[in-house]
């Protein structure tokens, strides 16, 4: 095989060295929260940021607030009929360690 062909077949990855300790710390923290590698955490963060930028350019509506996102869940819970039962305060205090 020719040299040009072999060079074409090689992955075109390059090393990215991050020398800023704060960036390394944040990448490690995000990786721990996501239970992934630092590389995956940085990749997902970059992809998310580009998606946000593309959304801004396209005039997309802003992301929903937490209140907007949980509203369907709240509506579902509130649609169930009340049981009429009273909570056993002593039981829940015991669970939480309160007296």
C-alpha atoms as a PDB file:
ATOM      1  CA  UNK A   1       0.000   0.000   0.000  1.00  0.00           C
ATOM      2  CA  UNK A   2       1.158   3.477  -0.727  1.00  0.00           C
ATOM      3  CA  UNK A   3       2.205   5.832   2.023  1.00  0.00           C
ATOM      4  CA  UNK A   4      -0.544   8.324   1.179  1.00  0.00           C
ATOM      5  CA  UNK A   5      -3.176   5.614   1.598  1.00  0.00           C
ATOM      6  CA  UNK A   6      -1.822   4.599   5.010  1.00  0.00           C
ATOM      7  CA  UNK A   7      -1.787   8.201   6.126  1.00  0.00           C
ATOM      8  CA  UNK A   8      -5.404   8.558   4.993  1.00  0.00           C
ATOM      9  CA  UNK A   9      -6.423   5.538   7.074  1.00  0.00           C
ATOM     10  CA  UNK A  10      -4.885   6.870  10.282  1.00  0.00           C
ATOM     11  CA  UNK A  11      -7.283   8.546  12.671  1.00  0.00           C
ATOM     12  CA  UNK A  12      -6.921  12.301  12.559  1.00  0.00           C
ATOM     13  CA  UNK A  13      -6.919  12.784  16.340  1.00  0.00           C
ATOM     14  CA  UNK A  14      -4.493  15.137  17.973  1.00  0.00           C
ATOM     15  CA  UNK A  15      -3.623  15.671  21.584  1.00  0.00           C
ATOM     16  CA  UNK A  16      -5.136  18.585  23.411  1.00  0.00           C
ATOM     17  CA  UNK A  17      -3.146  19.684  26.416  1.00  0.00           C
ATOM     18  CA  UNK A  18      -5.065  21.645  28.980  1.00  0.00           C
ATOM     19  CA  UNK A  19      -2.681  23.604  31.146  1.00  0.00           C
ATOM     20  CA  UNK A  20      -5.232  25.600  33.085  1.00  0.00           C
ATOM     21  CA  UNK A  21      -5.732  23.894  36.471  1.00  0.00           C
ATOM     22  CA  UNK A  22      -9.270  25.279  36.802  1.00  0.00           C
ATOM     23  CA  UNK A  23     -10.296  23.729  33.469  1.00  0.00           C
ATOM     24  CA  UNK A  24      -8.816  20.383  34.487  1.00  0.00           C
ATOM     25  CA  UNK A  25     -10.620  20.600  37.831  1.00  0.00           C
ATOM     26  CA  UNK A  26     -13.964  21.393  36.193  1.00  0.00           C
ATOM     27  CA  UNK A  27     -13.534  18.618  33.623  1.00  0.00           C
ATOM     28  CA  UNK A  28     -12.793  16.132  36.417  1.00  0.00           C
ATOM     29  CA  UNK A  29     -15.784  17.354  38.440  1.00  0.00           C
ATOM     30  CA  UNK A  30     -18.149  17.078  35.464  1.00  0.00           C
ATOM     31  CA  UNK A  31     -16.763  13.624  34.636  1.00  0.00           C
ATOM     32  CA  UNK A  32     -17.403  12.489  38.200  1.00  0.00           C
ATOM     33  CA  UNK A  33     -20.973  13.792  38.157  1.00  0.00           C
ATOM     34  CA  UNK A  34     -21.640  12.219  34.755  1.00  0.00           C
ATOM     35  CA  UNK A  35     -19.693   9.071  35.670  1.00  0.00           C
ATOM     36  CA  UNK A  36     -17.618   9.379  32.525  1.00  0.00           C
ATOM     37  CA  UNK A  37     -14.085  10.217  31.504  1.00  0.00           C
ATOM     38  CA  UNK A  38     -12.732  13.752  31.405  1.00  0.00           C
ATOM     39  CA  UNK A  39     -12.517  13.433  27.621  1.00  0.00           C
ATOM     40  CA  UNK A  40     -16.206  12.517  27.388  1.00  0.00           C
ATOM     41  CA  UNK A  41     -17.115  15.355  29.775  1.00  0.00           C
ATOM     42  CA  UNK A  42     -15.230  17.913  27.687  1.00  0.00           C
ATOM     43  CA  UNK A  43     -16.723  16.508  24.464  1.00  0.00           C
ATOM     44  CA  UNK A  44     -20.284  16.698  25.794  1.00  0.00           C
ATOM     45  CA  UNK A  45     -19.728  20.210  27.148  1.00  0.00           C
ATOM     46  CA  UNK A  46     -18.388  21.398  23.790  1.00  0.00           C
ATOM     47  CA  UNK A  47     -21.234  19.736  21.876  1.00  0.00           C
ATOM     48  CA  UNK A  48     -23.784  21.277  24.234  1.00  0.00           C
ATOM     49  CA  UNK A  49     -22.255  24.720  23.842  1.00  0.00           C
ATOM     50  CA  UNK A  50     -22.259  24.466  20.032  1.00  0.00           C
ATOM     51  CA  UNK A  51     -25.896  23.305  20.095  1.00  0.00           C
ATOM     52  CA  UNK A  52     -26.762  26.301  22.282  1.00  0.00           C
ATOM     53  CA  UNK A  53     -24.952  28.663  19.904  1.00  0.00           C
ATOM     54  CA  UNK A  54     -26.713  27.124  16.899  1.00  0.00           C
ATOM     55  CA  UNK A  55     -30.048  27.494  18.706  1.00  0.00           C
ATOM     56  CA  UNK A  56     -29.316  31.152  19.422  1.00  0.00           C
ATOM     57  CA  UNK A  57     -28.451  31.754  15.774  1.00  0.00           C
ATOM     58  CA  UNK A  58     -31.610  30.047  14.584  1.00  0.00           C
ATOM     59  CA  UNK A  59     -33.749  32.191  16.864  1.00  0.00           C
ATOM     60  CA  UNK A  60     -34.863  29.187  18.845  1.00  0.00           C
ATOM     61  CA  UNK A  61     -36.783  29.890  21.977  1.00  0.00           C
ATOM     62  CA  UNK A  62     -34.742  29.801  25.172  1.00  0.00           C
ATOM     63  CA  UNK A  63     -34.500  26.631  27.212  1.00  0.00           C
ATOM     64  CA  UNK A  64     -37.423  25.934  29.507  1.00  0.00           C
ATOM     65  CA  UNK A  65     -37.110  26.938  33.120  1.00  0.00           C
ATOM     66  CA  UNK A  66     -37.200  24.291  35.828  1.00  0.00           C
ATOM     67  CA  UNK A  67     -40.745  25.322  36.684  1.00  0.00           C
ATOM     68  CA  UNK A  68     -41.816  24.828  33.055  1.00  0.00           C
ATOM     69  CA  UNK A  69     -40.115  21.427  32.857  1.00  0.00           C
ATOM     70  CA  UNK A  70     -41.685  20.002  36.032  1.00  0.00           C
ATOM     71  CA  UNK A  71     -45.177  21.437  35.440  1.00  0.00           C
ATOM     72  CA  UNK A  72     -46.423  18.266  33.657  1.00  0.00           C
ATOM     73  CA  UNK A  73     -45.242  16.151  36.583  1.00  0.00           C
ATOM     74  CA  UNK A  74     -46.920  18.461  39.094  1.00  0.00           C
ATOM     75  CA  UNK A  75     -50.152  18.355  37.106  1.00  0.00           C
ATOM     76  CA  UNK A  76     -50.042  14.547  37.048  1.00  0.00           C
ATOM     77  CA  UNK A  77     -49.510  14.324  40.808  1.00  0.00           C
ATOM     78  CA  UNK A  78     -52.222  16.878  41.556  1.00  0.00           C
ATOM     79  CA  UNK A  79     -54.724  15.073  39.286  1.00  0.00           C
ATOM     80  CA  UNK A  80     -54.866  12.145  41.701  1.00  0.00           C
ATOM     81  CA  UNK A  81     -57.647  12.285  44.269  1.00  0.00           C
ATOM     82  CA  UNK A  82     -56.808  13.140  47.855  1.00  0.00           C
ATOM     83  CA  UNK A  83     -56.870  10.119  50.175  1.00  0.00           C
ATOM     84  CA  UNK A  84     -58.216  12.020  53.158  1.00  0.00           C
ATOM     85  CA  UNK A  85     -55.598  10.350  55.356  1.00  0.00           C
ATOM     86  CA  UNK A  86     -53.474  12.418  57.690  1.00  0.00           C
ATOM     87  CA  UNK A  87     -49.713  12.014  57.776  1.00  0.00           C
ATOM     88  CA  UNK A  88     -48.299  10.295  60.869  1.00  0.00           C
ATOM     89  CA  UNK A  89     -45.994  13.047  62.142  1.00  0.00           C
ATOM     90  CA  UNK A  90     -44.374  10.829  64.778  1.00  0.00           C
ATOM     91  CA  UNK A  91     -43.522   8.222  62.119  1.00  0.00           C
ATOM     92  CA  UNK A  92     -41.877  10.764  59.796  1.00  0.00           C
ATOM     93  CA  UNK A  93     -40.068  12.464  62.690  1.00  0.00           C
ATOM     94  CA  UNK A  94     -38.663   9.075  63.671  1.00  0.00           C
ATOM     95  CA  UNK A  95     -37.499   8.443  60.091  1.00  0.00           C
ATOM     96  CA  UNK A  96     -35.673  11.753  59.948  1.00  0.00           C
ATOM     97  CA  UNK A  97     -34.181  11.413  63.429  1.00  0.00           C
ATOM     98  CA  UNK A  98     -36.205  14.297  64.853  1.00  0.00           C
ATOM     99  CA  UNK A  99     -37.922  13.902  68.166  1.00  0.00           C
END
